[in-house]
Amino acid sequence: PKDKIRTSLILDNSNLILTTESATKIYPSKKEFGINKIDLQLLNNSNLEFINDELILYKDSRYIQFFNLKSDENSTFFYTDILSRGRSFENFDFSKMMIKNRFYCDEKLEYIEKFEIVGDELKDYINRKNSENFIFAKFYIKTKNNEEFINTIHKSAFESFSFSQNKKIIIGVISSYNMGDLKSKIMHIWKIYRSNINKKE
């Protein structure tokens, strides 16, 4: 397939809660990659809360994501991605996934993430870890008070959250064996975020 999705947003003194309509499905292909390009800019005390449904990579699928988020000092954001192991009868049988995520604060690059994953390698890694958890969610968060947020999140038993180099962004990951359980944890972390930025549920 030559599936391409592009999302571009500029928020100026605005608040936005955004989610996908349903899971993102990437279909099999021998050569072509499904491409997802996301460009976000937050200005003048804006707030973005972007919660994706799961990414489902079908057997023999190929996927590329380019993600760029630019935020000024006073803006905040909560962004999360979910990776499943595929359809119910699949187990990370996709061919390849390539991700490049970049986060800028006040026009300076704060955090970059670039990796390439082959399905079989991810499957082998989970097997070696002997883990029952095979669904993952990744978080990228910026609040008015990152120190306070990360202390609260650690007290709530979510320990795999840490700062970017200059402590302007929080990066975290959680996992589960069950999609319902994972999404419940995401909602709990989101609730902590909204409390931190003084937003109502």
N, C-alpha and C. Protein backbone atom coordinates (compact mmCIF):
# COMPACT_ATOMS: atom_id res chain seq x y z
N PRO A 1 0.83 -1.20 0.00
CA PRO A 1 0.00 0.00 0.00
C PRO A 1 0.86 1.25 0.00
N LYS A 2 0.29 2.33 -0.50
CA LYS A 2 0.96 3.62 -0.44
C LYS A 2 0.15 4.53 0.49
N ASP A 3 -0.19 4.00 1.64
CA ASP A 3 -0.99 4.75 2.60
C ASP A 3 -0.14 5.84 3.24
N LYS A 4 -0.64 7.07 3.19
CA LYS A 4 0.05 8.19 3.79
C LYS A 4 -0.95 9.03 4.57
N ILE A 5 -0.61 9.33 5.82
CA ILE A 5 -1.43 10.19 6.65
C ILE A 5 -0.56 11.36 7.10
N ARG A 6 -1.09 12.58 6.95
CA ARG A 6 -0.35 13.74 7.44
C ARG A 6 -1.26 14.56 8.36
N THR A 7 -0.74 14.88 9.54
CA THR A 7 -1.46 15.70 10.50
C THR A 7 -0.61 16.92 10.82
N SER A 8 -1.16 18.11 10.59
CA SER A 8 -0.44 19.35 10.89
C SER A 8 -1.35 20.26 11.71
N LEU A 9 -0.84 20.72 12.85
CA LEU A 9 -1.62 21.57 13.74
C LEU A 9 -0.75 22.70 14.28
N ILE A 10 -1.33 23.88 14.36
CA ILE A 10 -0.72 25.00 15.07
C ILE A 10 -1.74 25.51 16.08
N LEU A 11 -1.38 25.46 17.36
CA LEU A 11 -2.24 25.99 18.42
C LEU A 11 -1.64 27.28 18.94
N ASP A 12 -2.47 28.31 19.01
CA ASP A 12 -2.03 29.62 19.50
C ASP A 12 -2.98 30.05 20.61
N ASN A 13 -2.48 30.02 21.86
CA ASN A 13 -3.30 30.33 23.02
C ASN A 13 -4.59 29.50 23.00
N SER A 14 -4.42 28.19 22.78
CA SER A 14 -5.57 27.30 22.59
C SER A 14 -5.38 26.00 23.37
N ASN A 15 -6.51 25.32 23.60
CA ASN A 15 -6.52 24.00 24.23
C ASN A 15 -7.17 23.02 23.28
N LEU A 16 -6.58 21.83 23.13
CA LEU A 16 -7.14 20.83 22.24
C LEU A 16 -6.90 19.44 22.81
N ILE A 17 -7.98 18.65 22.84
CA ILE A 17 -7.87 17.22 23.14
C ILE A 17 -8.14 16.47 21.85
N LEU A 18 -7.21 15.63 21.47
CA LEU A 18 -7.27 14.97 20.16
C LEU A 18 -7.04 13.48 20.33
N THR A 19 -7.84 12.69 19.62
CA THR A 19 -7.62 11.25 19.61
C THR A 19 -7.93 10.71 18.22
N THR A 20 -7.48 9.50 17.95
CA THR A 20 -7.78 8.87 16.68
C THR A 20 -9.16 8.22 16.77
N GLU A 21 -9.81 8.08 15.61
CA GLU A 21 -11.16 7.53 15.56
C GLU A 21 -11.18 6.06 15.98
N SER A 22 -10.14 5.35 15.62
CA SER A 22 -10.02 3.93 15.97
C SER A 22 -8.55 3.54 15.83
N ALA A 23 -8.27 2.27 15.99
CA ALA A 23 -6.89 1.79 15.83
C ALA A 23 -6.37 2.09 14.42
N THR A 24 -5.07 2.38 14.33
CA THR A 24 -4.42 2.58 13.04
C THR A 24 -3.92 1.24 12.54
N LYS A 25 -4.42 0.81 11.39
CA LYS A 25 -4.07 -0.50 10.84
C LYS A 25 -3.14 -0.33 9.65
N ILE A 26 -2.02 -1.04 9.67
CA ILE A 26 -1.05 -1.00 8.58
C ILE A 26 -1.07 -2.37 7.89
N TYR A 27 -1.43 -2.37 6.61
CA TYR A 27 -1.66 -3.62 5.89
C TYR A 27 -0.37 -4.18 5.28
N PRO A 28 -0.37 -5.46 4.92
CA PRO A 28 0.84 -6.10 4.39
C PRO A 28 1.32 -5.46 3.09
N SER A 29 2.63 -5.43 2.93
CA SER A 29 3.23 -4.94 1.69
C SER A 29 4.65 -5.48 1.57
N LYS A 30 5.04 -5.89 0.39
CA LYS A 30 6.39 -6.40 0.17
C LYS A 30 7.42 -5.29 0.01
N LYS A 31 6.98 -4.12 -0.48
CA LYS A 31 7.93 -3.05 -0.76
C LYS A 31 7.54 -1.72 -0.13
N GLU A 32 6.27 -1.34 -0.22
CA GLU A 32 5.85 -0.01 0.19
C GLU A 32 5.66 0.09 1.70
N PHE A 33 5.94 1.30 2.21
CA PHE A 33 5.73 1.60 3.62
C PHE A 33 4.47 2.43 3.80
N GLY A 34 3.70 2.14 4.85
CA GLY A 34 2.69 3.08 5.30
C GLY A 34 3.40 4.21 6.03
N ILE A 35 3.05 5.45 5.71
CA ILE A 35 3.76 6.61 6.26
C ILE A 35 2.80 7.50 7.05
N ASN A 36 3.23 7.85 8.26
CA ASN A 36 2.45 8.75 9.12
C ASN A 36 3.34 9.93 9.49
N LYS A 37 2.95 11.14 9.05
CA LYS A 37 3.76 12.33 9.33
C LYS A 37 2.92 13.30 10.17
N ILE A 38 3.48 13.68 11.32
CA ILE A 38 2.77 14.53 12.27
C ILE A 38 3.64 15.75 12.58
N ASP A 39 3.08 16.95 12.37
CA ASP A 39 3.78 18.20 12.68
C ASP A 39 2.88 19.04 13.58
N LEU A 40 3.38 19.37 14.78
CA LEU A 40 2.60 20.09 15.78
C LEU A 40 3.39 21.28 16.29
N GLN A 41 2.70 22.41 16.46
CA GLN A 41 3.35 23.61 17.00
C GLN A 41 2.43 24.23 18.05
N LEU A 42 3.00 24.51 19.23
CA LEU A 42 2.23 25.05 20.35
C LEU A 42 2.79 26.41 20.74
N LEU A 43 1.92 27.42 20.73
CA LEU A 43 2.34 28.79 20.98
C LEU A 43 1.48 29.44 22.06
N ASN A 44 2.08 30.36 22.82
CA ASN A 44 1.34 31.26 23.71
C ASN A 44 0.41 30.53 24.68
N ASN A 45 1.03 29.72 25.53
CA ASN A 45 0.29 29.07 26.61
C ASN A 45 -0.77 28.09 26.10
N SER A 46 -0.47 27.40 25.02
CA SER A 46 -1.39 26.40 24.49
C SER A 46 -1.22 25.08 25.22
N ASN A 47 -2.22 24.22 25.07
CA ASN A 47 -2.17 22.88 25.67
C ASN A 47 -2.73 21.87 24.69
N LEU A 48 -1.97 20.81 24.43
CA LEU A 48 -2.40 19.74 23.53
C LEU A 48 -2.38 18.42 24.28
N GLU A 49 -3.49 17.68 24.17
CA GLU A 49 -3.58 16.34 24.74
C GLU A 49 -3.96 15.39 23.60
N PHE A 50 -3.00 14.60 23.15
CA PHE A 50 -3.12 13.77 21.95
C PHE A 50 -2.98 12.32 22.37
N ILE A 51 -4.11 11.59 22.37
CA ILE A 51 -4.13 10.21 22.83
C ILE A 51 -4.51 9.31 21.66
N ASN A 52 -3.55 8.55 21.19
CA ASN A 52 -3.77 7.66 20.06
C ASN A 52 -4.36 6.33 20.51
N ASP A 53 -5.23 5.76 19.66
CA ASP A 53 -5.56 4.35 19.82
C ASP A 53 -4.37 3.53 19.34
N GLU A 54 -4.49 2.21 19.47
CA GLU A 54 -3.33 1.36 19.20
C GLU A 54 -2.95 1.32 17.72
N LEU A 55 -1.68 1.10 17.50
CA LEU A 55 -1.13 0.85 16.18
C LEU A 55 -1.11 -0.66 15.97
N ILE A 56 -1.78 -1.13 14.91
CA ILE A 56 -1.83 -2.56 14.59
C ILE A 56 -1.06 -2.79 13.30
N LEU A 57 0.08 -3.42 13.42
CA LEU A 57 0.92 -3.73 12.27
C LEU A 57 0.63 -5.16 11.83
N TYR A 58 -0.01 -5.31 10.67
CA TYR A 58 -0.35 -6.65 10.17
C TYR A 58 0.92 -7.40 9.77
N LYS A 59 0.78 -8.69 9.65
CA LYS A 59 1.89 -9.54 9.20
C LYS A 59 2.43 -9.01 7.87
N ASP A 60 3.75 -8.88 7.78
CA ASP A 60 4.47 -8.43 6.58
C ASP A 60 4.23 -6.95 6.27
N SER A 61 3.78 -6.17 7.24
CA SER A 61 3.57 -4.74 7.00
C SER A 61 4.86 -3.95 7.26
N ARG A 62 4.89 -2.74 6.72
CA ARG A 62 6.03 -1.84 6.87
C ARG A 62 5.49 -0.46 7.22
N TYR A 63 6.13 0.20 8.18
CA TYR A 63 5.57 1.45 8.70
C TYR A 63 6.67 2.45 9.03
N ILE A 64 6.44 3.72 8.67
CA ILE A 64 7.36 4.81 9.01
C ILE A 64 6.55 5.92 9.67
N GLN A 65 7.08 6.45 10.77
CA GLN A 65 6.47 7.61 11.42
C GLN A 65 7.49 8.73 11.56
N PHE A 66 7.10 9.93 11.11
CA PHE A 66 7.88 11.14 11.33
C PHE A 66 7.04 12.05 12.23
N PHE A 67 7.56 12.35 13.40
CA PHE A 67 6.83 13.16 14.37
C PHE A 67 7.67 14.35 14.78
N ASN A 68 7.10 15.56 14.67
CA ASN A 68 7.79 16.77 15.09
C ASN A 68 6.84 17.61 15.94
N LEU A 69 7.29 17.96 17.13
CA LEU A 69 6.49 18.83 18.00
C LEU A 69 7.36 19.99 18.46
N LYS A 70 6.86 21.20 18.25
CA LYS A 70 7.56 22.40 18.68
C LYS A 70 6.69 23.15 19.68
N SER A 71 7.27 23.42 20.85
CA SER A 71 6.52 24.05 21.93
C SER A 71 7.30 25.24 22.47
N ASP A 72 6.58 26.31 22.81
CA ASP A 72 7.25 27.39 23.50
C ASP A 72 7.30 27.09 25.00
N GLU A 73 7.91 27.98 25.76
CA GLU A 73 8.17 27.71 27.18
C GLU A 73 6.88 27.52 27.99
N ASN A 74 5.83 28.25 27.66
CA ASN A 74 4.63 28.26 28.49
C ASN A 74 3.56 27.27 28.04
N SER A 75 3.78 26.55 26.97
CA SER A 75 2.80 25.58 26.49
C SER A 75 3.05 24.21 27.10
N THR A 76 2.01 23.37 27.08
CA THR A 76 2.08 22.04 27.68
C THR A 76 1.52 21.01 26.71
N PHE A 77 1.93 19.74 26.90
CA PHE A 77 1.38 18.70 26.04
C PHE A 77 1.45 17.34 26.72
N PHE A 78 0.56 16.47 26.24
CA PHE A 78 0.49 15.07 26.67
C PHE A 78 0.26 14.26 25.40
N TYR A 79 1.24 13.44 25.03
CA TYR A 79 1.15 12.66 23.79
C TYR A 79 1.47 11.21 24.10
N THR A 80 0.66 10.30 23.58
CA THR A 80 0.94 8.88 23.81
C THR A 80 0.66 8.05 22.57
N ASP A 81 1.49 7.02 22.36
CA ASP A 81 1.34 6.02 21.30
C ASP A 81 1.19 4.65 21.93
N ILE A 82 0.42 3.77 21.28
CA ILE A 82 0.27 2.39 21.73
C ILE A 82 0.71 1.45 20.61
N LEU A 83 1.57 0.50 20.93
CA LEU A 83 1.96 -0.54 19.97
C LEU A 83 1.41 -1.88 20.45
N SER A 84 0.58 -2.50 19.61
CA SER A 84 0.07 -3.84 19.90
C SER A 84 0.93 -4.86 19.17
N ARG A 85 0.67 -6.14 19.39
CA ARG A 85 1.46 -7.16 18.70
C ARG A 85 0.86 -7.56 17.36
N GLY A 86 -0.17 -6.85 16.92
CA GLY A 86 -0.84 -7.15 15.65
C GLY A 86 -2.27 -7.60 15.89
N ARG A 87 -2.82 -8.29 14.92
CA ARG A 87 -4.15 -8.84 15.12
C ARG A 87 -4.11 -9.96 16.16
N SER A 88 -5.28 -10.41 16.60
CA SER A 88 -5.35 -11.34 17.74
C SER A 88 -4.56 -12.62 17.51
N PHE A 89 -4.40 -13.02 16.25
CA PHE A 89 -3.69 -14.27 15.95
C PHE A 89 -2.25 -14.03 15.53
N GLU A 90 -1.77 -12.78 15.64
CA GLU A 90 -0.41 -12.45 15.24
C GLU A 90 0.44 -12.11 16.46
N ASN A 91 1.75 -12.12 16.27
CA ASN A 91 2.67 -11.87 17.37
C ASN A 91 3.90 -11.13 16.85
N PHE A 92 3.76 -9.83 16.63
CA PHE A 92 4.83 -9.00 16.09
C PHE A 92 5.37 -9.60 14.79
N ASP A 93 4.47 -9.90 13.88
CA ASP A 93 4.85 -10.50 12.60
C ASP A 93 5.07 -9.46 11.50
N PHE A 94 5.11 -8.17 11.86
CA PHE A 94 5.36 -7.13 10.87
C PHE A 94 6.80 -7.21 10.37
N SER A 95 7.04 -6.64 9.20
CA SER A 95 8.39 -6.68 8.63
C SER A 95 9.32 -5.65 9.26
N LYS A 96 8.87 -4.39 9.26
CA LYS A 96 9.77 -3.34 9.76
C LYS A 96 8.97 -2.12 10.18
N MET A 97 9.43 -1.46 11.25
CA MET A 97 8.87 -0.21 11.71
C MET A 97 10.01 0.77 11.97
N MET A 98 9.89 1.97 11.41
CA MET A 98 10.92 3.00 11.60
C MET A 98 10.26 4.25 12.17
N ILE A 99 10.85 4.77 13.24
CA ILE A 99 10.29 5.91 13.95
C ILE A 99 11.34 7.00 14.10
N LYS A 100 10.93 8.24 13.83
CA LYS A 100 11.79 9.39 14.12
C LYS A 100 10.92 10.46 14.78
N ASN A 101 11.14 10.65 16.08
CA ASN A 101 10.38 11.63 16.86
C ASN A 101 11.32 12.75 17.31
N ARG A 102 10.89 14.00 17.09
CA ARG A 102 11.70 15.14 17.52
C ARG A 102 10.83 16.13 18.29
N PHE A 103 11.37 16.60 19.41
CA PHE A 103 10.67 17.55 20.27
C PHE A 103 11.54 18.78 20.47
N TYR A 104 10.96 19.94 20.21
CA TYR A 104 11.67 21.21 20.35
C TYR A 104 11.01 22.04 21.45
N CYS A 105 11.83 22.68 22.27
CA CYS A 105 11.34 23.62 23.28
C CYS A 105 12.03 24.95 23.05
N ASP A 106 11.23 25.99 22.85
CA ASP A 106 11.77 27.33 22.55
C ASP A 106 12.78 27.28 21.40
N GLU A 107 12.39 26.55 20.36
CA GLU A 107 13.15 26.46 19.11
C GLU A 107 14.46 25.68 19.23
N LYS A 108 14.70 25.06 20.37
CA LYS A 108 15.89 24.23 20.54
C LYS A 108 15.49 22.77 20.65
N LEU A 109 16.24 21.90 19.98
CA LEU A 109 15.94 20.48 20.03
C LEU A 109 16.19 19.96 21.44
N GLU A 110 15.12 19.45 22.07
CA GLU A 110 15.21 18.95 23.44
C GLU A 110 15.37 17.44 23.48
N TYR A 111 14.72 16.75 22.56
CA TYR A 111 14.75 15.28 22.60
C TYR A 111 14.51 14.72 21.20
N ILE A 112 15.34 13.76 20.82
CA ILE A 112 15.16 13.09 19.54
C ILE A 112 15.21 11.58 19.77
N GLU A 113 14.36 10.89 19.06
CA GLU A 113 14.24 9.44 19.19
C GLU A 113 14.19 8.88 17.78
N LYS A 114 15.13 8.02 17.47
CA LYS A 114 15.21 7.46 16.12
C LYS A 114 15.56 5.99 16.23
N PHE A 115 14.67 5.14 15.74
CA PHE A 115 14.95 3.71 15.82
C PHE A 115 14.25 2.94 14.71
N GLU A 116 14.76 1.76 14.48
CA GLU A 116 14.23 0.85 13.46
C GLU A 116 14.05 -0.52 14.13
N ILE A 117 12.86 -1.08 13.99
CA ILE A 117 12.55 -2.35 14.65
C ILE A 117 12.08 -3.36 13.61
N VAL A 118 12.64 -4.54 13.67
CA VAL A 118 12.17 -5.68 12.88
C VAL A 118 11.29 -6.54 13.79
N GLY A 119 10.15 -6.99 13.29
CA GLY A 119 9.21 -7.73 14.11
C GLY A 119 9.81 -8.92 14.82
N ASP A 120 10.59 -9.71 14.10
CA ASP A 120 11.18 -10.91 14.70
C ASP A 120 12.13 -10.58 15.85
N GLU A 121 12.85 -9.46 15.72
CA GLU A 121 13.78 -9.06 16.77
C GLU A 121 13.03 -8.64 18.03
N LEU A 122 11.91 -7.92 17.85
CA LEU A 122 11.11 -7.52 19.01
C LEU A 122 10.50 -8.75 19.68
N LYS A 123 10.04 -9.69 18.88
CA LYS A 123 9.48 -10.93 19.41
C LYS A 123 10.52 -11.69 20.22
N ASP A 124 11.73 -11.80 19.70
CA ASP A 124 12.80 -12.50 20.40
C ASP A 124 13.16 -11.81 21.71
N TYR A 125 13.17 -10.48 21.69
CA TYR A 125 13.50 -9.71 22.90
C TYR A 125 12.49 -9.99 24.01
N ILE A 126 11.21 -9.97 23.67
CA ILE A 126 10.17 -10.22 24.67
C ILE A 126 10.26 -11.65 25.19
N ASN A 127 10.54 -12.58 24.30
CA ASN A 127 10.69 -13.98 24.73
C ASN A 127 11.87 -14.15 25.69
N ARG A 128 12.98 -13.47 25.40
CA ARG A 128 14.17 -13.56 26.27
C ARG A 128 13.89 -12.98 27.66
N LYS A 129 13.08 -11.93 27.68
CA LYS A 129 12.71 -11.31 28.95
C LYS A 129 11.69 -12.14 29.72
N ASN A 130 11.12 -13.12 29.03
CA ASN A 130 10.10 -13.98 29.64
C ASN A 130 8.97 -13.16 30.25
N SER A 131 8.55 -12.14 29.49
CA SER A 131 7.52 -11.23 29.98
C SER A 131 6.15 -11.61 29.42
N GLU A 132 5.14 -11.48 30.26
CA GLU A 132 3.77 -11.71 29.82
C GLU A 132 3.17 -10.46 29.18
N ASN A 133 3.85 -9.33 29.34
CA ASN A 133 3.35 -8.07 28.79
C ASN A 133 3.82 -7.90 27.35
N PHE A 134 2.88 -7.71 26.45
CA PHE A 134 3.22 -7.60 25.03
C PHE A 134 2.54 -6.41 24.36
N ILE A 135 1.94 -5.51 25.14
CA ILE A 135 1.36 -4.28 24.61
C ILE A 135 2.06 -3.12 25.31
N PHE A 136 2.44 -2.11 24.54
CA PHE A 136 3.26 -1.04 25.08
C PHE A 136 2.65 0.33 24.77
N ALA A 137 2.81 1.24 25.70
CA ALA A 137 2.42 2.64 25.48
C ALA A 137 3.60 3.53 25.84
N LYS A 138 3.86 4.49 24.97
CA LYS A 138 4.96 5.44 25.18
C LYS A 138 4.37 6.83 25.41
N PHE A 139 4.96 7.57 26.33
CA PHE A 139 4.45 8.89 26.72
C PHE A 139 5.51 9.96 26.49
N TYR A 140 5.03 11.13 26.07
CA TYR A 140 5.87 12.32 25.93
C TYR A 140 5.06 13.46 26.54
N ILE A 141 5.58 14.08 27.61
CA ILE A 141 4.78 14.99 28.42
C ILE A 141 5.58 16.24 28.77
N LYS A 142 4.90 17.37 28.71
CA LYS A 142 5.49 18.63 29.19
C LYS A 142 4.43 19.34 30.02
N THR A 143 4.77 19.67 31.26
CA THR A 143 3.83 20.35 32.16
C THR A 143 4.42 21.68 32.61
N LYS A 144 3.66 22.39 33.42
CA LYS A 144 4.17 23.63 34.01
C LYS A 144 5.21 23.34 35.08
N ASN A 145 5.09 22.15 35.68
CA ASN A 145 6.01 21.76 36.75
C ASN A 145 6.36 20.28 36.59
N ASN A 146 7.37 20.01 35.79
CA ASN A 146 7.74 18.63 35.49
C ASN A 146 8.22 17.87 36.73
N GLU A 147 8.91 18.56 37.63
CA GLU A 147 9.38 17.90 38.85
C GLU A 147 8.21 17.39 39.68
N GLU A 148 7.21 18.22 39.85
CA GLU A 148 6.02 17.82 40.62
C GLU A 148 5.31 16.66 39.95
N PHE A 149 5.18 16.72 38.63
CA PHE A 149 4.48 15.65 37.91
C PHE A 149 5.20 14.32 38.07
N ILE A 150 6.50 14.33 37.88
CA ILE A 150 7.22 13.05 37.91
C ILE A 150 7.25 12.48 39.33
N ASN A 151 7.27 13.33 40.34
CA ASN A 151 7.18 12.83 41.72
C ASN A 151 5.83 12.17 41.96
N THR A 152 4.77 12.78 41.45
CA THR A 152 3.43 12.22 41.61
C THR A 152 3.30 10.90 40.86
N ILE A 153 3.83 10.84 39.65
CA ILE A 153 3.71 9.63 38.83
C ILE A 153 4.49 8.47 39.45
N HIS A 154 5.63 8.77 40.04
CA HIS A 154 6.41 7.72 40.71
C HIS A 154 5.70 7.21 41.96
N LYS A 155 5.05 8.11 42.68
CA LYS A 155 4.29 7.70 43.86
C LYS A 155 3.09 6.82 43.48
N SER A 156 2.63 6.95 42.24
CA SER A 156 1.51 6.14 41.75
C SER A 156 1.99 4.82 41.16
N ALA A 157 3.25 4.47 41.40
CA ALA A 157 3.85 3.18 40.99
C ALA A 157 4.15 3.10 39.49
N PHE A 158 4.20 4.24 38.82
CA PHE A 158 4.67 4.27 37.43
C PHE A 158 6.12 4.76 37.46
N GLU A 159 7.03 3.82 37.52
CA GLU A 159 8.43 4.17 37.77
C GLU A 159 9.26 4.38 36.51
N SER A 160 8.75 3.96 35.36
CA SER A 160 9.55 4.04 34.13
C SER A 160 9.30 5.37 33.39
N PHE A 161 9.37 6.46 34.16
CA PHE A 161 9.26 7.81 33.60
C PHE A 161 10.49 8.60 34.02
N SER A 162 11.06 9.35 33.08
CA SER A 162 12.27 10.11 33.38
C SER A 162 12.28 11.39 32.54
N PHE A 163 13.28 12.23 32.79
CA PHE A 163 13.39 13.51 32.10
C PHE A 163 14.22 13.41 30.83
N SER A 164 13.98 14.34 29.94
CA SER A 164 14.91 14.56 28.83
C SER A 164 16.15 15.27 29.38
N GLN A 165 17.10 15.53 28.51
CA GLN A 165 18.41 16.04 28.95
C GLN A 165 18.30 17.30 29.80
N ASN A 166 17.46 18.24 29.39
CA ASN A 166 17.34 19.51 30.12
C ASN A 166 16.10 19.57 31.01
N LYS A 167 15.49 18.41 31.22
CA LYS A 167 14.32 18.27 32.09
C LYS A 167 13.10 19.06 31.61
N LYS A 168 13.05 19.33 30.33
CA LYS A 168 11.90 20.07 29.81
C LYS A 168 10.78 19.15 29.33
N ILE A 169 11.11 17.87 29.14
CA ILE A 169 10.13 16.89 28.69
C ILE A 169 10.26 15.64 29.55
N ILE A 170 9.13 14.99 29.79
CA ILE A 170 9.11 13.72 30.50
C ILE A 170 8.82 12.61 29.50
N ILE A 171 9.61 11.55 29.54
CA ILE A 171 9.41 10.40 28.65
C ILE A 171 9.13 9.19 29.52
N GLY A 172 8.13 8.41 29.13
CA GLY A 172 7.78 7.24 29.92
C GLY A 172 7.25 6.11 29.07
N VAL A 173 7.23 4.92 29.64
CA VAL A 173 6.68 3.76 28.94
C VAL A 173 5.99 2.85 29.97
N ILE A 174 4.88 2.26 29.56
CA ILE A 174 4.21 1.25 30.38
C ILE A 174 3.87 0.06 29.47
N SER A 175 3.59 -1.07 30.08
CA SER A 175 3.23 -2.26 29.30
C SER A 175 2.16 -3.05 30.03
N SER A 176 1.51 -3.96 29.30
CA SER A 176 0.49 -4.81 29.90
C SER A 176 0.26 -6.01 29.00
N TYR A 177 -0.46 -6.99 29.52
CA TYR A 177 -0.85 -8.17 28.76
C TYR A 177 -2.24 -8.01 28.17
N ASN A 178 -2.92 -6.89 28.51
CA ASN A 178 -4.32 -6.72 28.16
C ASN A 178 -4.56 -5.27 27.74
N MET A 179 -5.22 -5.05 26.59
CA MET A 179 -5.44 -3.70 26.08
C MET A 179 -6.31 -2.89 27.01
N GLY A 180 -7.34 -3.50 27.59
CA GLY A 180 -8.19 -2.77 28.51
C GLY A 180 -7.43 -2.28 29.72
N ASP A 181 -6.56 -3.13 30.26
CA ASP A 181 -5.74 -2.75 31.40
C ASP A 181 -4.77 -1.63 31.04
N LEU A 182 -4.16 -1.72 29.86
CA LEU A 182 -3.22 -0.69 29.43
C LEU A 182 -3.92 0.66 29.28
N LYS A 183 -5.09 0.66 28.65
CA LYS A 183 -5.80 1.93 28.45
C LYS A 183 -6.29 2.51 29.77
N SER A 184 -6.61 1.65 30.73
CA SER A 184 -6.98 2.13 32.06
C SER A 184 -5.80 2.85 32.71
N LYS A 185 -4.60 2.29 32.55
CA LYS A 185 -3.40 2.94 33.10
C LYS A 185 -3.14 4.27 32.39
N ILE A 186 -3.33 4.31 31.07
CA ILE A 186 -3.16 5.56 30.33
C ILE A 186 -4.10 6.63 30.85
N MET A 187 -5.37 6.26 31.08
CA MET A 187 -6.34 7.22 31.58
C MET A 187 -5.95 7.72 32.98
N HIS A 188 -5.38 6.85 33.78
CA HIS A 188 -4.94 7.26 35.12
C HIS A 188 -3.80 8.27 35.03
N ILE A 189 -2.85 8.02 34.16
CA ILE A 189 -1.73 8.95 33.97
C ILE A 189 -2.22 10.27 33.38
N TRP A 190 -3.17 10.19 32.46
CA TRP A 190 -3.76 11.40 31.87
C TRP A 190 -4.46 12.23 32.95
N LYS A 191 -5.16 11.55 33.86
CA LYS A 191 -5.84 12.24 34.96
C LYS A 191 -4.83 12.99 35.83
N ILE A 192 -3.68 12.38 36.10
CA ILE A 192 -2.62 13.05 36.87
C ILE A 192 -2.12 14.28 36.11
N TYR A 193 -1.96 14.13 34.79
CA TYR A 193 -1.52 15.26 33.96
C TYR A 193 -2.50 16.42 34.05
N ARG A 194 -3.79 16.13 33.88
CA ARG A 194 -4.80 17.19 33.89
C ARG A 194 -4.89 17.87 35.25
N SER A 195 -4.68 17.12 36.29
CA SER A 195 -4.64 17.71 37.62
C SER A 195 -3.44 18.63 37.76
N ASN A 196 -2.31 18.21 37.20
CA ASN A 196 -1.08 19.00 37.28
C ASN A 196 -1.23 20.35 36.57
N ILE A 197 -1.96 20.39 35.46
CA ILE A 197 -2.12 21.64 34.72
C ILE A 197 -3.43 22.33 35.05
N ASN A 198 -4.10 21.85 36.11
CA ASN A 198 -5.32 22.47 36.62
C ASN A 198 -6.47 22.46 35.61
N LYS A 199 -6.64 21.30 34.98
CA LYS A 199 -7.77 21.09 34.08
C LYS A 199 -8.77 20.15 34.73
N LYS A 200 -10.05 20.35 34.44
CA LYS A 200 -11.08 19.46 34.95
C LYS A 200 -11.07 18.17 34.16
N GLU A 201 -11.55 17.10 34.78
CA GLU A 201 -11.63 15.81 34.09
C GLU A 201 -12.68 15.88 32.99
